[in-house]
PDB file of all heavy atoms in Angstrom:
ATOM      1  N   MET A   1       0.866  -1.170   0.001  1.00  0.00           N
ATOM      2  CA  MET A   1       0.015  -0.010  -0.006  1.00  0.00           C
ATOM      3  C   MET A   1       0.838   1.283   0.002  1.00  0.00           C
ATOM      4  O   MET A   1       0.433   2.300  -0.514  1.00  0.00           O
ATOM      5  CB  MET A   1      -0.918  -0.019   1.272  1.00  0.00           C
ATOM      6  CG  MET A   1      -2.140  -1.000   1.072  1.00  0.00           C
ATOM      7  SD  MET A   1      -3.310  -1.007   2.366  1.00  0.00           S
ATOM      8  CE  MET A   1      -2.366  -1.761   3.722  1.00  0.00           C
ATOM      9  N   TYR A   2       2.097   1.181   0.588  1.00  0.00           N
ATOM     10  CA  TYR A   2       2.945   2.233   0.585  1.00  0.00           C
ATOM     11  C   TYR A   2       3.609   2.563  -0.781  1.00  0.00           C
ATOM     12  O   TYR A   2       3.609   3.670  -1.369  1.00  0.00           O
ATOM     13  CB  TYR A   2       3.992   2.177   1.654  1.00  0.00           C
ATOM     14  CG  TYR A   2       4.996   3.321   1.769  1.00  0.00           C
ATOM     15  CD1 TYR A   2       4.688   4.546   2.345  1.00  0.00           C
ATOM     16  CD2 TYR A   2       6.261   3.185   1.176  1.00  0.00           C
ATOM     17  CE1 TYR A   2       5.583   5.582   2.380  1.00  0.00           C
ATOM     18  CE2 TYR A   2       7.166   4.170   1.226  1.00  0.00           C
ATOM     19  CZ  TYR A   2       6.784   5.390   1.842  1.00  0.00           C
ATOM     20  OH  TYR A   2       7.710   6.408   1.882  1.00  0.00           O
ATOM     21  N   ILE A   3       4.199   1.465  -1.323  1.00  0.00           N
ATOM     22  CA  ILE A   3       4.926   1.573  -2.564  1.00  0.00           C
ATOM     23  C   ILE A   3       3.997   1.808  -3.756  1.00  0.00           C
ATOM     24  O   ILE A   3       4.268   2.536  -4.719  1.00  0.00           O
ATOM     25  CB  ILE A   3       5.843   0.386  -2.776  1.00  0.00           C
ATOM     26  CG1 ILE A   3       6.882   0.234  -1.584  1.00  0.00           C
ATOM     27  CG2 ILE A   3       6.577   0.470  -4.146  1.00  0.00           C
ATOM     28  CD1 ILE A   3       7.783   1.317  -1.471  1.00  0.00           C
ATOM     29  N   LEU A   4       2.916   1.015  -3.792  1.00  0.00           N
ATOM     30  CA  LEU A   4       1.955   1.048  -4.930  1.00  0.00           C
ATOM     31  C   LEU A   4       0.661   1.766  -4.666  1.00  0.00           C
ATOM     32  O   LEU A   4      -0.364   1.364  -5.208  1.00  0.00           O
ATOM     33  CB  LEU A   4       1.768  -0.415  -5.331  1.00  0.00           C
ATOM     34  CG  LEU A   4       2.936  -1.263  -5.672  1.00  0.00           C
ATOM     35  CD1 LEU A   4       2.559  -2.679  -6.112  1.00  0.00           C
ATOM     36  CD2 LEU A   4       3.820  -0.689  -6.850  1.00  0.00           C
ATOM     37  N   ALA A   5       0.804   2.821  -3.824  1.00  0.00           N
ATOM     38  CA  ALA A   5      -0.449   3.523  -3.564  1.00  0.00           C
ATOM     39  C   ALA A   5      -1.144   4.094  -4.701  1.00  0.00           C
ATOM     40  O   ALA A   5      -2.396   4.019  -4.835  1.00  0.00           O
ATOM     41  CB  ALA A   5      -0.123   4.679  -2.502  1.00  0.00           C
ATOM     42  N   VAL A   6      -0.408   4.612  -5.663  1.00  0.00           N
ATOM     43  CA  VAL A   6      -1.069   5.272  -6.912  1.00  0.00           C
ATOM     44  C   VAL A   6      -1.752   4.242  -7.684  1.00  0.00           C
ATOM     45  O   VAL A   6      -2.963   4.463  -8.045  1.00  0.00           O
ATOM     46  CB  VAL A   6      -0.021   6.105  -7.690  1.00  0.00           C
ATOM     47  CG1 VAL A   6      -0.637   6.614  -8.970  1.00  0.00           C
ATOM     48  CG2 VAL A   6       0.452   7.345  -6.871  1.00  0.00           C
ATOM     49  N   PRO A   7      -1.095   3.208  -8.199  1.00  0.00           N
ATOM     50  CA  PRO A   7      -1.838   2.189  -9.007  1.00  0.00           C
ATOM     51  C   PRO A   7      -2.956   1.527  -8.287  1.00  0.00           C
ATOM     52  O   PRO A   7      -3.999   1.176  -8.767  1.00  0.00           O
ATOM     53  CB  PRO A   7      -0.763   1.211  -9.442  1.00  0.00           C
ATOM     54  CG  PRO A   7       0.345   1.374  -8.480  1.00  0.00           C
ATOM     55  CD  PRO A   7       0.345   2.897  -8.139  1.00  0.00           C
ATOM     56  N   LEU A   8      -2.782   1.316  -6.904  1.00  0.00           N
ATOM     57  CA  LEU A   8      -3.835   0.718  -6.077  1.00  0.00           C
ATOM     58  C   LEU A   8      -5.058   1.461  -6.087  1.00  0.00           C
ATOM     59  O   LEU A   8      -6.172   0.975  -6.338  1.00  0.00           O
ATOM     60  CB  LEU A   8      -3.281   0.393  -4.752  1.00  0.00           C
ATOM     61  CG  LEU A   8      -4.191  -0.303  -3.757  1.00  0.00           C
ATOM     62  CD1 LEU A   8      -4.558  -1.737  -4.193  1.00  0.00           C
ATOM     63  CD2 LEU A   8      -3.539  -0.476  -2.364  1.00  0.00           C
ATOM     64  N   CYS A   9      -4.946   2.796  -5.781  1.00  0.00           N
ATOM     65  CA  CYS A   9      -6.177   3.712  -5.691  1.00  0.00           C
ATOM     66  C   CYS A   9      -6.744   3.826  -7.124  1.00  0.00           C
ATOM     67  O   CYS A   9      -7.992   3.947  -7.219  1.00  0.00           O
ATOM     68  CB  CYS A   9      -5.731   5.031  -5.134  1.00  0.00           C
ATOM     69  SG  CYS A   9      -5.287   4.974  -3.457  1.00  0.00           S
ATOM     70  N   THR A  10      -5.950   3.891  -8.187  1.00  0.00           N
ATOM     71  CA  THR A  10      -6.378   4.015  -9.524  1.00  0.00           C
ATOM     72  C   THR A  10      -7.264   2.757  -9.856  1.00  0.00           C
ATOM     73  O   THR A  10      -8.314   2.919 -10.519  1.00  0.00           O
ATOM     74  CB  THR A  10      -5.264   4.145 -10.552  1.00  0.00           C
ATOM     75  OG1 THR A  10      -4.456   5.294 -10.154  1.00  0.00           O
ATOM     76  CG2 THR A  10      -5.760   4.401 -11.942  1.00  0.00           C
ATOM     77  N   LEU A  11      -6.838   1.641  -9.534  1.00  0.00           N
ATOM     78  CA  LEU A  11      -7.480   0.419  -9.864  1.00  0.00           C
ATOM     79  C   LEU A  11      -8.797   0.237  -9.109  1.00  0.00           C
ATOM     80  O   LEU A  11      -9.785  -0.182  -9.606  1.00  0.00           O
ATOM     81  CB  LEU A  11      -6.652  -0.841  -9.583  1.00  0.00           C
ATOM     82  CG  LEU A  11      -5.440  -1.113 -10.638  1.00  0.00           C
ATOM     83  CD1 LEU A  11      -4.582  -2.195 -10.086  1.00  0.00           C
ATOM     84  CD2 LEU A  11      -6.033  -1.406 -12.079  1.00  0.00           C
ATOM     85  N   PHE A  12      -8.840   0.596  -7.823  1.00  0.00           N
ATOM     86  CA  PHE A  12      -9.930   0.441  -7.043  1.00  0.00           C
ATOM     87  C   PHE A  12     -11.005   1.528  -7.272  1.00  0.00           C
ATOM     88  O   PHE A  12     -12.219   1.274  -7.238  1.00  0.00           O
ATOM     89  CB  PHE A  12      -9.599   0.458  -5.491  1.00  0.00           C
ATOM     90  CG  PHE A  12      -9.270  -0.930  -4.973  1.00  0.00           C
ATOM     91  CD1 PHE A  12      -8.075  -1.626  -5.241  1.00  0.00           C
ATOM     92  CD2 PHE A  12     -10.229  -1.641  -4.133  1.00  0.00           C
ATOM     93  CE1 PHE A  12      -7.827  -2.831  -4.767  1.00  0.00           C
ATOM     94  CE2 PHE A  12      -9.990  -2.882  -3.728  1.00  0.00           C
ATOM     95  CZ  PHE A  12      -8.709  -3.537  -4.017  1.00  0.00           C
ATOM     96  N   TYR A  13     -10.584   2.781  -7.371  1.00  0.00           N
ATOM     97  CA  TYR A  13     -11.475   3.958  -7.295  1.00  0.00           C
ATOM     98  C   TYR A  13     -11.433   4.796  -8.527  1.00  0.00           C
ATOM     99  O   TYR A  13     -12.180   5.746  -8.701  1.00  0.00           O
ATOM    100  CB  TYR A  13     -11.105   4.752  -6.122  1.00  0.00           C
ATOM    101  CG  TYR A  13     -11.191   4.077  -4.801  1.00  0.00           C
ATOM    102  CD1 TYR A  13     -10.042   4.020  -3.991  1.00  0.00           C
ATOM    103  CD2 TYR A  13     -12.273   3.405  -4.418  1.00  0.00           C
ATOM    104  CE1 TYR A  13     -10.052   3.362  -2.777  1.00  0.00           C
ATOM    105  CE2 TYR A  13     -12.330   2.645  -3.196  1.00  0.00           C
ATOM    106  CZ  TYR A  13     -11.187   2.672  -2.391  1.00  0.00           C
ATOM    107  OH  TYR A  13     -11.203   2.052  -1.195  1.00  0.00           O
ATOM    108  N   GLY A  14     -10.605   4.378  -9.579  1.00  0.00           N
ATOM    109  CA  GLY A  14     -10.619   5.142 -10.834  1.00  0.00           C
ATOM    110  C   GLY A  14      -9.765   6.355 -10.883  1.00  0.00           C
ATOM    111  O   GLY A  14      -9.701   6.998 -11.907  1.00  0.00           O
ATOM    112  N   ASN A  15      -9.260   6.797  -9.775  1.00  0.00           N
ATOM    113  CA  ASN A  15      -8.381   7.915  -9.702  1.00  0.00           C
ATOM    114  C   ASN A  15      -7.355   7.834  -8.589  1.00  0.00           C
ATOM    115  O   ASN A  15      -7.628   6.974  -7.703  1.00  0.00           O
ATOM    116  CB  ASN A  15      -9.149   9.301  -9.580  1.00  0.00           C
ATOM    117  CG  ASN A  15      -9.846   9.381  -8.240  1.00  0.00           C
ATOM    118  OD1 ASN A  15      -9.255   9.527  -7.226  1.00  0.00           O
ATOM    119  ND2 ASN A  15     -11.206   9.211  -8.380  1.00  0.00           N
ATOM    120  N   ALA A  16      -6.290   8.605  -8.585  1.00  0.00           N
ATOM    121  CA  ALA A  16      -5.235   8.458  -7.593  1.00  0.00           C
ATOM    122  C   ALA A  16      -5.289   9.637  -6.588  1.00  0.00           C
ATOM    123  O   ALA A  16      -4.242   9.903  -5.954  1.00  0.00           O
ATOM    124  CB  ALA A  16      -3.898   8.463  -8.366  1.00  0.00           C
ATOM    125  N   ASP A  17      -6.411  10.306  -6.485  1.00  0.00           N
ATOM    126  CA  ASP A  17      -6.478  11.419  -5.524  1.00  0.00           C
ATOM    127  C   ASP A  17      -6.205  11.002  -4.085  1.00  0.00           C
ATOM    128  O   ASP A  17      -5.739  11.841  -3.308  1.00  0.00           O
ATOM    129  CB  ASP A  17      -7.779  12.181  -5.657  1.00  0.00           C
ATOM    130  CG  ASP A  17      -7.959  12.745  -7.023  1.00  0.00           C
ATOM    131  OD1 ASP A  17      -7.006  12.972  -7.751  1.00  0.00           O
ATOM    132  OD2 ASP A  17      -9.105  13.138  -7.413  1.00  0.00           O
ATOM    133  N   THR A  18      -6.652   9.814  -3.768  1.00  0.00           N
ATOM    134  CA  THR A  18      -6.524   9.420  -2.334  1.00  0.00           C
ATOM    135  C   THR A  18      -5.147   8.731  -2.060  1.00  0.00           C
ATOM    136  O   THR A  18      -4.883   8.349  -0.982  1.00  0.00           O
ATOM    137  CB  THR A  18      -7.653   8.377  -1.990  1.00  0.00           C
ATOM    138  OG1 THR A  18      -7.587   7.292  -3.005  1.00  0.00           O
ATOM    139  CG2 THR A  18      -8.986   8.970  -2.088  1.00  0.00           C
ATOM    140  N   ALA A  19      -4.344   8.581  -3.111  1.00  0.00           N
ATOM    141  CA  ALA A  19      -2.990   7.896  -2.992  1.00  0.00           C
ATOM    142  C   ALA A  19      -2.140   8.516  -1.909  1.00  0.00           C
ATOM    143  O   ALA A  19      -1.487   7.773  -1.086  1.00  0.00           O
ATOM    144  CB  ALA A  19      -2.300   7.778  -4.294  1.00  0.00           C
ATOM    145  N   PRO A  20      -1.992   9.921  -1.812  1.00  0.00           N
ATOM    146  CA  PRO A  20      -1.080  10.430  -0.781  1.00  0.00           C
ATOM    147  C   PRO A  20      -1.598  10.113   0.620  1.00  0.00           C
ATOM    148  O   PRO A  20      -0.790   9.910   1.518  1.00  0.00           O
ATOM    149  CB  PRO A  20      -1.266  12.007  -1.075  1.00  0.00           C
ATOM    150  CG  PRO A  20      -1.636  12.077  -2.524  1.00  0.00           C
ATOM    151  CD  PRO A  20      -2.471  10.910  -2.741  1.00  0.00           C
ATOM    152  N   MET A  21      -2.895  10.086   0.818  1.00  0.00           N
ATOM    153  CA  MET A  21      -3.374   9.723   2.151  1.00  0.00           C
ATOM    154  C   MET A  21      -3.063   8.296   2.512  1.00  0.00           C
ATOM    155  O   MET A  21      -2.551   7.952   3.571  1.00  0.00           O
ATOM    156  CB  MET A  21      -4.924   9.903   2.220  1.00  0.00           C
ATOM    157  CG  MET A  21      -5.444  11.265   2.038  1.00  0.00           C
ATOM    158  SD  MET A  21      -7.290  11.242   2.163  1.00  0.00           S
ATOM    159  CE  MET A  21      -7.739  12.837   1.482  1.00  0.00           C
ATOM    160  N   LEU A  22      -3.251   7.400   1.553  1.00  0.00           N
ATOM    161  CA  LEU A  22      -2.984   5.961   1.665  1.00  0.00           C
ATOM    162  C   LEU A  22      -1.417   5.680   1.957  1.00  0.00           C
ATOM    163  O   LEU A  22      -1.047   4.982   2.940  1.00  0.00           O
ATOM    164  CB  LEU A  22      -3.378   5.150   0.502  1.00  0.00           C
ATOM    165  CG  LEU A  22      -3.197   3.680   0.546  1.00  0.00           C
ATOM    166  CD1 LEU A  22      -3.916   3.009   1.773  1.00  0.00           C
ATOM    167  CD2 LEU A  22      -3.476   2.933  -0.700  1.00  0.00           C
ATOM    168  N   ARG A  23      -0.578   6.426   1.206  1.00  0.00           N
ATOM    169  CA  ARG A  23       0.833   6.254   1.371  1.00  0.00           C
ATOM    170  C   ARG A  23       1.271   6.778   2.833  1.00  0.00           C
ATOM    171  O   ARG A  23       2.125   6.169   3.377  1.00  0.00           O
ATOM    172  CB  ARG A  23       1.609   7.006   0.380  1.00  0.00           C
ATOM    173  CG  ARG A  23       3.134   6.886   0.451  1.00  0.00           C
ATOM    174  CD  ARG A  23       3.850   7.518  -0.659  1.00  0.00           C
ATOM    175  NE  ARG A  23       3.719   6.745  -1.943  1.00  0.00           N
ATOM    176  CZ  ARG A  23       3.174   7.215  -3.102  1.00  0.00           C
ATOM    177  NH1 ARG A  23       2.644   8.453  -3.116  1.00  0.00           N
ATOM    178  NH2 ARG A  23       3.098   6.421  -4.177  1.00  0.00           N
ATOM    179  N   MET A  24       0.685   7.799   3.234  1.00  0.00           N
ATOM    180  CA  MET A  24       1.009   8.356   4.581  1.00  0.00           C
ATOM    181  C   MET A  24       0.683   7.410   5.672  1.00  0.00           C
ATOM    182  O   MET A  24       1.401   7.259   6.692  1.00  0.00           O
ATOM    183  CB  MET A  24       0.325   9.743   4.772  1.00  0.00           C
ATOM    184  CG  MET A  24       0.685  10.405   6.046  1.00  0.00           C
ATOM    185  SD  MET A  24      -0.138  12.071   6.080  1.00  0.00           S
ATOM    186  CE  MET A  24       0.427  12.687   7.609  1.00  0.00           C
ATOM    187  N   MET A  25      -0.459   6.724   5.572  1.00  0.00           N
ATOM    188  CA  MET A  25      -1.005   5.929   6.677  1.00  0.00           C
ATOM    189  C   MET A  25      -0.490   4.483   6.572  1.00  0.00           C
ATOM    190  O   MET A  25      -0.512   3.787   7.631  1.00  0.00           O
ATOM    191  CB  MET A  25      -2.463   5.917   6.641  1.00  0.00           C
ATOM    192  CG  MET A  25      -3.137   7.297   6.810  1.00  0.00           C
ATOM    193  SD  MET A  25      -4.972   7.192   6.919  1.00  0.00           S
ATOM    194  CE  MET A  25      -5.190   6.606   8.544  1.00  0.00           C
ATOM    195  N   ALA A  26      -0.100   4.024   5.455  1.00  0.00           N
ATOM    196  CA  ALA A  26       0.210   2.596   5.302  1.00  0.00           C
ATOM    197  C   ALA A  26       1.230   2.048   6.255  1.00  0.00           C
ATOM    198  O   ALA A  26       1.021   0.955   6.743  1.00  0.00           O
ATOM    199  CB  ALA A  26       0.687   2.346   3.835  1.00  0.00           C
ATOM    200  N   PRO A  27       2.372   2.661   6.464  1.00  0.00           N
ATOM    201  CA  PRO A  27       3.381   2.123   7.376  1.00  0.00           C
ATOM    202  C   PRO A  27       2.840   1.958   8.780  1.00  0.00           C
ATOM    203  O   PRO A  27       3.369   1.057   9.525  1.00  0.00           O
ATOM    204  CB  PRO A  27       4.519   3.172   7.358  1.00  0.00           C
ATOM    205  CG  PRO A  27       4.376   3.966   6.130  1.00  0.00           C
ATOM    206  CD  PRO A  27       2.883   4.002   5.874  1.00  0.00           C
ATOM    207  N   PHE A  28       1.859   2.714   9.245  1.00  0.00           N
ATOM    208  CA  PHE A  28       1.322   2.594  10.548  1.00  0.00           C
ATOM    209  C   PHE A  28       0.142   1.688  10.659  1.00  0.00           C
ATOM    210  O   PHE A  28      -0.339   1.397  11.815  1.00  0.00           O
ATOM    211  CB  PHE A  28       0.943   3.999  11.100  1.00  0.00           C
ATOM    212  CG  PHE A  28       2.085   4.949  11.056  1.00  0.00           C
ATOM    213  CD1 PHE A  28       2.253   5.786   9.881  1.00  0.00           C
ATOM    214  CD2 PHE A  28       2.962   5.064  12.085  1.00  0.00           C
ATOM    215  CE1 PHE A  28       3.350   6.732   9.906  1.00  0.00           C
ATOM    216  CE2 PHE A  28       4.025   5.944  12.038  1.00  0.00           C
ATOM    217  CZ  PHE A  28       4.294   6.797  10.988  1.00  0.00           C
ATOM    218  N   ALA A  29      -0.275   1.117   9.565  1.00  0.00           N
ATOM    219  CA  ALA A  29      -1.338   0.116   9.552  1.00  0.00           C
ATOM    220  C   ALA A  29      -0.987  -1.162  10.321  1.00  0.00           C
ATOM    221  O   ALA A  29      -1.854  -1.815  10.931  1.00  0.00           O
ATOM    222  CB  ALA A  29      -1.797  -0.252   8.254  1.00  0.00           C
ATOM    223  N   VAL A  30       0.280  -1.421  10.489  1.00  0.00           N
ATOM    224  CA  VAL A  30       0.765  -2.566  11.188  1.00  0.00           C
ATOM    225  C   VAL A  30       0.331  -2.519  12.669  1.00  0.00           C
ATOM    226  O   VAL A  30       0.012  -3.547  13.239  1.00  0.00           O
ATOM    227  CB  VAL A  30       2.283  -2.783  11.095  1.00  0.00           C
ATOM    228  CG1 VAL A  30       2.755  -3.910  11.902  1.00  0.00           C
ATOM    229  CG2 VAL A  30       2.725  -2.919   9.639  1.00  0.00           C
TER     230      VAL A  30
END
């Protein structure tokens, strides 16, 4: 989720606007 935030958000939601939020939070999801 951290490294591939942009393609992940694009595939799921059709755009990458949420990718910065996902990348910021991903390391702390553990």
